Amino acid sequence: MRAARIRLLIGVLLIALVLFGQDLVGMATAAHRLDPSLRGASEPRTVIVVLDFNPERFHNERLARYGVFAGRDKAVNRIRLRQVTPENLARLGRLVWVARVEPGK
């Protein structure tokens, strides 16, 4: 009976890890992704989202949820977003597949 409970608990923990693991890692490492000059922003900003890979349509559409897509910045993996609110800056920093969020011009 005890072994069955342990297996059930391990199963529940594995399911929770699959469902929430990416979000937890993103929250734990967000400070390293977001440029220090963007922390504590009080108004919408233009940013460059840097990825470690060439984005596909999914990534572009997902990033467009956080601001207005404004094209590329010198490379395919550098995406310019305008009008990114302070709340969305924090959300961008929590995406584990985003390498960095830099201030834009």
N, C-alpha and C. Protein backbone atom coordinates (compact mmCIF):
# COMPACT_ATOMS: atom_id res chain seq x y z
N MET A 1 0.82 -1.19 0.00
CA MET A 1 0.00 0.00 0.00
C MET A 1 0.87 1.25 0.00
N ARG A 2 1.92 1.23 0.81
CA ARG A 2 2.80 2.39 0.88
C ARG A 2 3.54 2.60 -0.44
N ALA A 3 3.97 1.53 -1.08
CA ALA A 3 4.68 1.63 -2.37
C ALA A 3 3.77 2.23 -3.43
N ALA A 4 2.49 1.89 -3.40
CA ALA A 4 1.54 2.43 -4.36
C ALA A 4 1.38 3.94 -4.17
N ARG A 5 1.35 4.39 -2.93
CA ARG A 5 1.24 5.82 -2.66
C ARG A 5 2.48 6.58 -3.13
N ILE A 6 3.64 5.97 -2.93
CA ILE A 6 4.89 6.61 -3.36
C ILE A 6 4.92 6.72 -4.88
N ARG A 7 4.52 5.65 -5.58
CA ARG A 7 4.48 5.71 -7.05
C ARG A 7 3.48 6.75 -7.53
N LEU A 8 2.34 6.85 -6.87
CA LEU A 8 1.34 7.85 -7.22
C LEU A 8 1.89 9.26 -7.02
N LEU A 9 2.57 9.48 -5.90
CA LEU A 9 3.16 10.78 -5.61
C LEU A 9 4.23 11.15 -6.64
N ILE A 10 5.06 10.18 -6.99
CA ILE A 10 6.09 10.42 -8.00
C ILE A 10 5.45 10.74 -9.35
N GLY A 11 4.39 10.04 -9.68
CA GLY A 11 3.67 10.31 -10.93
C GLY A 11 3.08 11.71 -10.96
N VAL A 12 2.47 12.11 -9.87
CA VAL A 12 1.89 13.46 -9.78
C VAL A 12 2.99 14.52 -9.89
N LEU A 13 4.12 14.29 -9.23
CA LEU A 13 5.24 15.23 -9.31
C LEU A 13 5.80 15.33 -10.73
N LEU A 14 5.90 14.22 -11.42
CA LEU A 14 6.38 14.24 -12.80
C LEU A 14 5.43 15.01 -13.71
N ILE A 15 4.15 14.79 -13.53
CA ILE A 15 3.16 15.52 -14.33
C ILE A 15 3.25 17.02 -14.04
N ALA A 16 3.37 17.38 -12.77
CA ALA A 16 3.50 18.80 -12.41
C ALA A 16 4.77 19.40 -13.00
N LEU A 17 5.86 18.64 -13.02
CA LEU A 17 7.11 19.11 -13.59
C LEU A 17 6.97 19.36 -15.09
N VAL A 18 6.29 18.47 -15.77
CA VAL A 18 6.06 18.65 -17.21
C VAL A 18 5.18 19.87 -17.47
N LEU A 19 4.14 20.04 -16.67
CA LEU A 19 3.21 21.15 -16.88
C LEU A 19 3.77 22.51 -16.46
N PHE A 20 4.51 22.56 -15.36
CA PHE A 20 4.93 23.84 -14.80
C PHE A 20 6.44 24.05 -14.76
N GLY A 21 7.22 23.08 -15.18
CA GLY A 21 8.68 23.18 -15.10
C GLY A 21 9.26 24.33 -15.89
N GLN A 22 8.77 24.52 -17.12
CA GLN A 22 9.29 25.59 -17.96
C GLN A 22 9.00 26.96 -17.34
N ASP A 23 7.82 27.14 -16.79
CA ASP A 23 7.48 28.40 -16.14
C ASP A 23 8.33 28.64 -14.90
N LEU A 24 8.58 27.61 -14.12
CA LEU A 24 9.40 27.75 -12.91
C LEU A 24 10.83 28.11 -13.25
N VAL A 25 11.39 27.46 -14.26
CA VAL A 25 12.76 27.78 -14.69
C VAL A 25 12.80 29.21 -15.23
N GLY A 26 11.78 29.60 -15.98
CA GLY A 26 11.73 30.95 -16.51
C GLY A 26 11.70 32.01 -15.42
N MET A 27 10.90 31.77 -14.38
CA MET A 27 10.84 32.72 -13.27
C MET A 27 12.17 32.79 -12.52
N ALA A 28 12.81 31.65 -12.36
CA ALA A 28 14.07 31.61 -11.61
C ALA A 28 15.22 32.28 -12.36
N THR A 29 15.16 32.31 -13.69
CA THR A 29 16.27 32.84 -14.48
C THR A 29 15.93 34.14 -15.21
N ALA A 30 14.79 34.73 -14.94
CA ALA A 30 14.34 35.93 -15.66
C ALA A 30 15.30 37.11 -15.47
N ALA A 31 15.89 37.24 -14.32
CA ALA A 31 16.78 38.38 -14.06
C ALA A 31 17.99 38.38 -14.98
N HIS A 32 18.41 37.22 -15.45
CA HIS A 32 19.57 37.14 -16.34
C HIS A 32 19.21 37.49 -17.78
N ARG A 33 17.97 37.40 -18.14
CA ARG A 33 17.55 37.68 -19.51
C ARG A 33 17.22 39.15 -19.76
N LEU A 34 16.63 39.79 -18.79
CA LEU A 34 16.17 41.16 -18.95
C LEU A 34 17.31 42.14 -18.66
N ASP A 35 17.59 43.02 -19.63
CA ASP A 35 18.65 44.02 -19.48
C ASP A 35 18.38 44.88 -18.25
N PRO A 36 19.41 45.20 -17.46
CA PRO A 36 19.20 46.00 -16.25
C PRO A 36 18.51 47.35 -16.51
N SER A 37 18.74 47.95 -17.67
CA SER A 37 18.11 49.24 -17.96
C SER A 37 16.60 49.12 -18.18
N LEU A 38 16.12 47.91 -18.40
CA LEU A 38 14.69 47.70 -18.62
C LEU A 38 13.94 47.34 -17.33
N ARG A 39 14.66 46.97 -16.32
CA ARG A 39 14.02 46.62 -15.04
C ARG A 39 13.46 47.88 -14.40
N GLY A 40 12.28 47.81 -13.92
CA GLY A 40 11.66 48.95 -13.27
C GLY A 40 11.13 49.99 -14.25
N ALA A 41 10.95 49.61 -15.52
CA ALA A 41 10.41 50.55 -16.50
C ALA A 41 8.99 50.95 -16.09
N SER A 42 8.65 52.20 -16.35
CA SER A 42 7.32 52.68 -15.95
C SER A 42 6.44 53.02 -17.15
N GLU A 43 6.97 52.89 -18.35
CA GLU A 43 6.19 53.19 -19.55
C GLU A 43 6.56 52.18 -20.64
N PRO A 44 5.74 52.07 -21.68
CA PRO A 44 6.04 51.12 -22.76
C PRO A 44 7.39 51.45 -23.41
N ARG A 45 8.11 50.39 -23.78
CA ARG A 45 9.45 50.54 -24.35
C ARG A 45 9.55 49.78 -25.66
N THR A 46 10.55 50.15 -26.45
CA THR A 46 10.93 49.39 -27.64
C THR A 46 12.09 48.51 -27.22
N VAL A 47 12.00 47.22 -27.57
CA VAL A 47 13.04 46.27 -27.16
C VAL A 47 13.46 45.40 -28.33
N ILE A 48 14.62 44.79 -28.17
CA ILE A 48 15.12 43.79 -29.09
C ILE A 48 15.13 42.47 -28.33
N VAL A 49 14.39 41.49 -28.83
CA VAL A 49 14.36 40.16 -28.23
C VAL A 49 15.35 39.30 -28.99
N VAL A 50 16.35 38.79 -28.29
CA VAL A 50 17.40 37.99 -28.91
C VAL A 50 17.14 36.52 -28.60
N LEU A 51 17.16 35.71 -29.65
CA LEU A 51 16.97 34.27 -29.51
C LEU A 51 18.28 33.57 -29.88
N ASP A 52 18.50 32.39 -29.34
CA ASP A 52 19.70 31.60 -29.65
C ASP A 52 19.49 30.69 -30.86
N PHE A 53 18.40 30.88 -31.58
CA PHE A 53 18.06 30.05 -32.72
C PHE A 53 17.30 30.90 -33.72
N ASN A 54 17.14 30.39 -34.93
CA ASN A 54 16.34 31.09 -35.93
C ASN A 54 14.87 30.82 -35.64
N PRO A 55 14.10 31.87 -35.40
CA PRO A 55 12.70 31.67 -35.02
C PRO A 55 11.84 31.19 -36.19
N GLU A 56 10.81 30.48 -35.82
CA GLU A 56 9.80 30.06 -36.78
C GLU A 56 8.57 30.92 -36.57
N ARG A 57 7.58 30.68 -37.37
CA ARG A 57 6.36 31.48 -37.32
C ARG A 57 5.75 31.50 -35.91
N PHE A 58 5.75 30.35 -35.26
CA PHE A 58 5.21 30.25 -33.91
C PHE A 58 5.86 31.26 -32.98
N HIS A 59 7.19 31.36 -33.02
CA HIS A 59 7.91 32.26 -32.12
C HIS A 59 7.55 33.71 -32.41
N ASN A 60 7.49 34.07 -33.69
CA ASN A 60 7.12 35.44 -34.05
C ASN A 60 5.71 35.78 -33.56
N GLU A 61 4.79 34.87 -33.74
CA GLU A 61 3.40 35.11 -33.30
C GLU A 61 3.33 35.20 -31.79
N ARG A 62 4.07 34.36 -31.12
CA ARG A 62 4.07 34.38 -29.66
C ARG A 62 4.65 35.69 -29.12
N LEU A 63 5.75 36.14 -29.72
CA LEU A 63 6.37 37.39 -29.28
C LEU A 63 5.48 38.59 -29.56
N ALA A 64 4.69 38.53 -30.63
CA ALA A 64 3.80 39.64 -30.98
C ALA A 64 2.71 39.84 -29.93
N ARG A 65 2.50 38.89 -29.07
CA ARG A 65 1.53 39.05 -27.97
C ARG A 65 2.01 40.07 -26.94
N TYR A 66 3.32 40.28 -26.88
CA TYR A 66 3.90 41.13 -25.85
C TYR A 66 4.12 42.57 -26.30
N GLY A 67 4.07 42.82 -27.59
CA GLY A 67 4.27 44.15 -28.13
C GLY A 67 3.98 44.14 -29.62
N VAL A 68 4.22 45.26 -30.26
CA VAL A 68 3.97 45.39 -31.69
C VAL A 68 5.21 44.92 -32.44
N PHE A 69 5.05 43.88 -33.26
CA PHE A 69 6.16 43.34 -34.04
C PHE A 69 6.63 44.42 -35.01
N ALA A 70 7.93 44.74 -34.99
CA ALA A 70 8.47 45.80 -35.83
C ALA A 70 9.64 45.33 -36.68
N GLY A 71 9.71 44.05 -36.97
CA GLY A 71 10.74 43.52 -37.85
C GLY A 71 11.95 42.98 -37.12
N ARG A 72 13.00 42.82 -37.91
CA ARG A 72 14.26 42.26 -37.39
C ARG A 72 15.26 43.39 -37.12
N ASP A 73 16.24 43.09 -36.30
CA ASP A 73 17.28 44.05 -35.99
C ASP A 73 18.64 43.45 -36.37
N LYS A 74 19.04 43.60 -37.61
CA LYS A 74 20.35 43.18 -38.15
C LYS A 74 20.53 41.68 -38.29
N ALA A 75 19.66 40.86 -37.75
CA ALA A 75 19.79 39.41 -37.86
C ALA A 75 18.41 38.77 -37.71
N VAL A 76 18.28 37.57 -38.20
CA VAL A 76 17.00 36.87 -38.15
C VAL A 76 16.57 36.58 -36.71
N ASN A 77 17.54 36.34 -35.84
CA ASN A 77 17.20 35.96 -34.46
C ASN A 77 17.11 37.15 -33.51
N ARG A 78 17.09 38.38 -34.05
CA ARG A 78 16.94 39.59 -33.24
C ARG A 78 15.64 40.27 -33.67
N ILE A 79 14.63 40.19 -32.82
CA ILE A 79 13.29 40.66 -33.17
C ILE A 79 12.99 41.95 -32.41
N ARG A 80 12.56 42.96 -33.16
CA ARG A 80 12.24 44.26 -32.57
C ARG A 80 10.75 44.29 -32.22
N LEU A 81 10.46 44.68 -30.99
CA LEU A 81 9.08 44.86 -30.53
C LEU A 81 8.93 46.28 -30.00
N ARG A 82 7.86 46.93 -30.39
CA ARG A 82 7.56 48.29 -29.91
C ARG A 82 6.39 48.23 -28.95
N GLN A 83 6.28 49.26 -28.12
CA GLN A 83 5.16 49.41 -27.19
C GLN A 83 5.01 48.21 -26.25
N VAL A 84 6.12 47.74 -25.72
CA VAL A 84 6.09 46.63 -24.76
C VAL A 84 5.88 47.24 -23.37
N THR A 85 4.78 46.89 -22.74
CA THR A 85 4.45 47.43 -21.42
C THR A 85 5.39 46.87 -20.36
N PRO A 86 5.51 47.54 -19.23
CA PRO A 86 6.36 47.02 -18.14
C PRO A 86 5.97 45.59 -17.72
N GLU A 87 4.68 45.30 -17.69
CA GLU A 87 4.23 43.95 -17.33
C GLU A 87 4.71 42.93 -18.36
N ASN A 88 4.62 43.30 -19.64
CA ASN A 88 5.06 42.39 -20.69
C ASN A 88 6.58 42.26 -20.75
N LEU A 89 7.30 43.27 -20.31
CA LEU A 89 8.76 43.14 -20.21
C LEU A 89 9.11 42.01 -19.24
N ALA A 90 8.44 42.01 -18.12
CA ALA A 90 8.68 40.95 -17.13
C ALA A 90 8.30 39.59 -17.70
N ARG A 91 7.19 39.53 -18.42
CA ARG A 91 6.76 38.26 -19.02
C ARG A 91 7.75 37.77 -20.07
N LEU A 92 8.28 38.68 -20.88
CA LEU A 92 9.28 38.30 -21.88
C LEU A 92 10.51 37.71 -21.20
N GLY A 93 10.92 38.29 -20.10
CA GLY A 93 12.08 37.79 -19.38
C GLY A 93 11.89 36.40 -18.81
N ARG A 94 10.65 36.00 -18.62
CA ARG A 94 10.37 34.68 -18.05
C ARG A 94 10.26 33.58 -19.11
N LEU A 95 10.30 33.94 -20.40
CA LEU A 95 10.25 32.92 -21.44
C LEU A 95 11.61 32.23 -21.55
N VAL A 96 11.65 30.94 -21.32
CA VAL A 96 12.94 30.23 -21.28
C VAL A 96 13.61 30.18 -22.65
N TRP A 97 12.87 30.30 -23.73
CA TRP A 97 13.49 30.23 -25.05
C TRP A 97 13.98 31.59 -25.54
N VAL A 98 13.82 32.63 -24.75
CA VAL A 98 14.37 33.95 -25.05
C VAL A 98 15.74 34.05 -24.39
N ALA A 99 16.77 34.37 -25.18
CA ALA A 99 18.12 34.48 -24.62
C ALA A 99 18.31 35.80 -23.86
N ARG A 100 17.90 36.92 -24.49
CA ARG A 100 18.06 38.23 -23.87
C ARG A 100 16.96 39.16 -24.34
N VAL A 101 16.67 40.16 -23.53
CA VAL A 101 15.78 41.26 -23.92
C VAL A 101 16.59 42.53 -23.71
N GLU A 102 16.89 43.22 -24.82
CA GLU A 102 17.74 44.41 -24.81
C GLU A 102 16.91 45.64 -25.12
N PRO A 103 17.35 46.80 -24.67
CA PRO A 103 16.63 48.03 -25.06
C PRO A 103 16.81 48.30 -26.55
N GLY A 104 15.74 48.78 -27.18
CA GLY A 104 15.80 49.12 -28.59
C GLY A 104 15.89 50.62 -28.77
N LYS A 105 15.98 51.02 -30.02
CA LYS A 105 16.08 52.45 -30.32
C LYS A 105 14.79 52.97 -30.86
